[in-house]
Amino acid sequence: MIWKKIFNAPQEELEDESVEMEAGAECPEEGTPRPSPQSHGREKEPLSLDINSRGVESEQPGIDLNLRIRIEDESQVGRAALLLAATTSNETECVFKKELSSIGWRSVATEVGGLAGDLPQKITRALVGASLNAGVVEKKRNEMHALMHAALEALDGFLVVGMLEASVGAKIAIVRNSKWISVAVMGDTAYHAVAHHERCGLGVMHI
């Protein structure tokens, strides 16, 4: 993943300045008309996803995971956001977003990195920009309000008080349908490059 580069940099670089990662590469089908959010899982057949992961994106040995996930209800928007945030390749991310789009759900993912103390502001800019650019939300009071509350809830679970000087790399996923919007944040945190470990946070809000 792109944001893992932050933990491969020399420690002195992490101490000198924060690193903000660019959003992941867009899927080939990005920018095509999206189904209406009024069309969702209850009006169509339940969505069954076969997601093939290519494992760890590094020179180290990895494993391939074949997962079958069944989405039957709009209330599972949080589960979908967590799974999207957990994808480890652009190919898998695109497959998942395409399947969600097939039932009328909108989704987008982006990545950020830097010091934990600077991250809330970076995440706010990243998720709002990504959501508006991808058409996941519109500039309407109720939709922006729901997005920000879901993001706040996700950040509360992802960042711990006292982590201000920790280095963080995270993938943010936003998924919404006609009733709910969810923000999932998944990534690594570390006070030292060799001691990083995973964290995640999830927020769900009614639109």
Protein backbone atom coordinates (compact mmCIF):
# COMPACT_ATOMS: atom_id res chain seq x y z
CA MET A 1 0.00 0.00 0.00
CA ILE A 2 1.15 3.52 -0.71
CA TRP A 3 0.91 4.71 2.88
CA LYS A 4 3.25 1.97 4.09
CA LYS A 5 6.11 3.94 2.51
CA ILE A 6 6.06 6.15 5.60
CA PHE A 7 7.41 3.24 7.65
CA ASN A 8 10.13 2.40 5.15
CA ALA A 9 11.69 5.86 5.37
CA PRO A 10 14.71 6.48 7.65
CA GLN A 11 13.71 7.40 11.19
CA GLU A 12 15.32 10.86 10.92
CA GLU A 13 13.00 11.69 8.03
CA LEU A 14 9.99 10.79 10.16
CA GLU A 15 11.23 13.01 12.94
CA ASP A 16 11.97 15.98 10.67
CA GLU A 17 8.66 16.31 8.91
CA SER A 18 5.28 14.68 8.44
CA VAL A 19 4.45 12.87 5.25
CA GLU A 20 1.11 13.22 3.47
CA MET A 21 0.42 10.45 1.02
CA GLU A 22 -1.47 10.92 -2.21
CA ALA A 23 -4.80 9.29 -2.89
CA GLY A 24 -4.63 5.82 -4.37
CA ALA A 25 -4.82 5.33 -8.10
CA GLU A 26 -8.31 5.64 -9.49
CA CYS A 27 -10.14 2.68 -10.94
CA PRO A 28 -10.52 2.62 -14.73
CA GLU A 29 -14.28 2.96 -14.42
CA GLU A 30 -14.10 6.05 -12.16
CA GLY A 31 -16.03 8.96 -13.58
CA THR A 32 -18.72 6.84 -15.21
CA PRO A 33 -22.36 7.46 -14.26
CA ARG A 34 -23.24 5.93 -10.93
CA PRO A 35 -26.52 4.21 -10.02
CA SER A 36 -28.94 6.17 -7.89
CA PRO A 37 -28.48 5.73 -4.13
CA GLN A 38 -32.18 4.96 -3.97
CA SER A 39 -31.36 1.55 -5.45
CA HIS A 40 -29.99 -0.69 -2.74
CA GLY A 41 -29.68 -4.26 -1.48
CA ARG A 42 -33.31 -4.68 -0.46
CA GLU A 43 -34.61 -3.96 -3.95
CA LYS A 44 -32.20 -6.37 -5.67
CA GLU A 45 -30.67 -9.73 -5.05
CA PRO A 46 -28.26 -9.78 -2.08
CA LEU A 47 -24.71 -8.99 -3.09
CA SER A 48 -22.20 -11.80 -2.81
CA LEU A 49 -18.61 -10.75 -3.31
CA ASP A 50 -15.69 -12.96 -4.27
CA ILE A 51 -12.65 -10.84 -3.48
CA ASN A 52 -9.20 -12.09 -4.39
CA SER A 53 -6.40 -10.49 -2.44
CA ARG A 54 -2.82 -10.73 -3.70
CA GLY A 55 -1.44 -10.61 -0.17
CA VAL A 56 1.26 -8.34 1.22
CA GLU A 57 2.59 -5.83 -1.31
CA SER A 58 6.28 -6.18 -0.52
CA GLU A 59 9.21 -8.47 -1.14
CA GLN A 60 8.23 -10.51 1.90
CA PRO A 61 6.16 -13.67 1.42
CA GLY A 62 2.41 -13.14 1.53
CA ILE A 63 -0.77 -15.16 1.25
CA ASP A 64 -3.73 -15.02 -1.08
CA LEU A 65 -7.09 -14.73 0.65
CA ASN A 66 -10.34 -15.69 -1.05
CA LEU A 67 -13.26 -14.18 0.80
CA ARG A 68 -16.98 -14.49 0.18
CA ILE A 69 -19.01 -11.72 1.80
CA ARG A 70 -22.78 -11.42 1.60
CA ILE A 71 -24.40 -7.99 1.88
CA GLU A 72 -28.15 -8.19 2.37
CA ASP A 73 -29.16 -4.97 4.08
CA GLU A 74 -28.44 -1.23 4.01
CA SER A 75 -27.36 -1.39 7.64
CA GLN A 76 -24.23 -3.30 6.57
CA VAL A 77 -22.67 -0.11 5.21
CA GLY A 78 -20.15 -0.14 8.06
CA ARG A 79 -19.00 -3.66 7.21
CA ALA A 80 -18.55 -2.59 3.58
CA ALA A 81 -16.46 0.45 4.56
CA LEU A 82 -14.19 -1.66 6.78
CA LEU A 83 -13.64 -4.18 4.00
CA LEU A 84 -12.86 -1.43 1.50
CA ALA A 85 -10.38 0.18 3.90
CA ALA A 86 -8.73 -3.23 4.39
CA THR A 87 -8.04 -3.81 0.68
CA THR A 88 -4.31 -4.04 -0.04
CA SER A 89 -4.17 -3.50 -3.79
CA ASN A 90 -5.73 -1.10 -6.26
CA GLU A 91 -7.09 -4.06 -8.24
CA THR A 92 -8.98 -5.47 -5.24
CA GLU A 93 -10.22 -2.01 -4.28
CA CYS A 94 -11.61 -1.45 -7.78
CA VAL A 95 -13.37 -4.83 -7.82
CA PHE A 96 -15.03 -4.09 -4.48
CA LYS A 97 -16.14 -0.58 -5.49
CA LYS A 98 -17.55 -1.91 -8.75
CA GLU A 99 -19.60 -4.54 -6.92
CA LEU A 100 -20.92 -1.96 -4.46
CA SER A 101 -21.87 0.29 -7.37
CA SER A 102 -23.86 -2.57 -8.90
CA ILE A 103 -26.36 -2.37 -6.04
CA GLY A 104 -26.47 1.41 -6.06
CA TRP A 105 -24.02 2.03 -3.21
CA ARG A 106 -21.41 4.76 -3.66
CA SER A 107 -17.86 4.41 -2.37
CA VAL A 108 -14.40 5.95 -2.48
CA ALA A 109 -11.04 5.37 -0.80
CA THR A 110 -8.03 7.61 -0.20
CA GLU A 111 -4.85 7.55 1.87
CA VAL A 112 -3.12 9.96 4.26
CA GLY A 113 -0.01 9.90 6.40
CA GLY A 114 1.93 12.04 8.85
CA LEU A 115 2.08 12.78 12.56
CA ALA A 116 -1.01 11.82 14.55
CA GLY A 117 -1.41 15.35 15.87
CA ASP A 118 -1.75 16.71 12.32
CA LEU A 119 -3.90 13.91 11.01
CA PRO A 120 -7.45 15.08 11.93
CA GLN A 121 -7.15 18.16 9.73
CA LYS A 122 -5.55 16.17 6.90
CA ILE A 123 -8.22 13.50 7.10
CA THR A 124 -10.98 16.11 7.02
CA ARG A 125 -9.62 17.63 3.81
CA ALA A 126 -8.94 14.22 2.26
CA LEU A 127 -12.30 12.62 2.96
CA VAL A 128 -14.36 15.67 2.03
CA GLY A 129 -12.44 16.18 -1.21
CA ALA A 130 -12.54 12.49 -2.15
CA SER A 131 -16.24 12.15 -1.32
CA LEU A 132 -17.27 15.21 -3.35
CA ASN A 133 -15.01 14.38 -6.31
CA ALA A 134 -16.30 10.80 -6.49
CA GLY A 135 -19.93 11.81 -6.11
CA VAL A 136 -20.34 9.87 -2.87
CA VAL A 137 -21.91 12.93 -1.23
CA GLU A 138 -23.29 16.23 -2.48
CA LYS A 139 -22.90 19.67 -0.96
CA LYS A 140 -26.11 19.33 1.01
CA ARG A 141 -26.41 20.06 4.70
CA ASN A 142 -27.67 16.62 5.71
CA GLU A 143 -25.09 14.70 3.67
CA MET A 144 -22.09 16.78 4.78
CA HIS A 145 -23.30 16.63 8.39
CA ALA A 146 -23.59 12.84 8.25
CA LEU A 147 -20.16 12.50 6.61
CA MET A 148 -18.40 14.60 9.25
CA HIS A 149 -20.08 12.83 12.17
CA ALA A 150 -19.18 9.42 10.77
CA ALA A 151 -15.60 10.59 10.26
CA LEU A 152 -15.39 11.94 13.82
CA GLU A 153 -16.59 8.62 15.20
CA ALA A 154 -14.06 6.73 13.08
CA LEU A 155 -11.19 8.98 14.20
CA ASP A 156 -12.14 8.55 17.85
CA GLY A 157 -11.61 4.82 17.42
CA PHE A 158 -8.46 5.12 15.34
CA LEU A 159 -6.45 7.75 17.21
CA VAL A 160 -5.68 7.47 20.91
CA VAL A 161 -5.13 10.47 23.18
CA GLY A 162 -1.41 10.95 23.76
CA MET A 163 -0.35 9.74 20.29
CA LEU A 164 0.38 13.24 18.96
CA GLU A 165 4.00 12.48 18.03
CA ALA A 166 3.34 9.05 16.55
CA SER A 167 3.72 8.51 12.80
CA VAL A 168 0.56 7.34 11.10
CA GLY A 169 -0.28 5.92 7.68
CA ALA A 170 -3.94 5.24 6.99
CA LYS A 171 -6.41 4.28 4.29
CA ILE A 172 -9.82 5.96 4.51
CA ALA A 173 -12.91 4.39 2.95
CA ILE A 174 -16.32 6.05 2.62
CA VAL A 175 -19.39 4.01 1.67
CA ARG A 176 -22.97 5.25 1.51
CA ASN A 177 -26.42 4.16 0.39
CA SER A 178 -29.78 5.89 0.49
CA LYS A 179 -30.01 5.85 4.31
CA TRP A 180 -26.55 5.44 5.83
CA ILE A 181 -22.99 6.64 5.36
CA SER A 182 -19.92 5.02 6.90
CA VAL A 183 -16.29 6.07 7.25
CA ALA A 184 -13.60 3.49 8.04
CA VAL A 185 -9.97 4.32 8.82
CA MET A 186 -7.41 1.53 8.78
CA GLY A 187 -3.66 1.80 8.95
CA ASP A 188 -0.49 1.64 11.02
CA THR A 189 0.83 3.83 13.84
CA ALA A 190 4.30 3.94 15.33
CA TYR A 191 6.56 5.95 17.61
CA HIS A 192 9.41 4.16 15.87
CA ALA A 193 9.51 2.71 12.36
CA VAL A 194 10.27 -0.81 13.56
CA ALA A 195 7.41 -0.87 16.07
CA HIS A 196 4.43 0.04 13.92
CA HIS A 197 1.20 -1.92 14.23
CA GLU A 198 -2.31 -1.78 12.82
CA ARG A 199 -5.29 0.18 14.07
CA CYS A 200 -8.76 0.81 12.72
CA GLY A 201 -11.76 3.00 13.43
CA LEU A 202 -15.33 2.97 12.13
CA GLY A 203 -18.10 5.53 12.13
CA VAL A 204 -21.67 5.17 10.84
CA MET A 205 -24.27 7.93 10.59
CA HIS A 206 -27.82 8.16 9.29
CA ILE A 207 -28.18 10.55 6.34
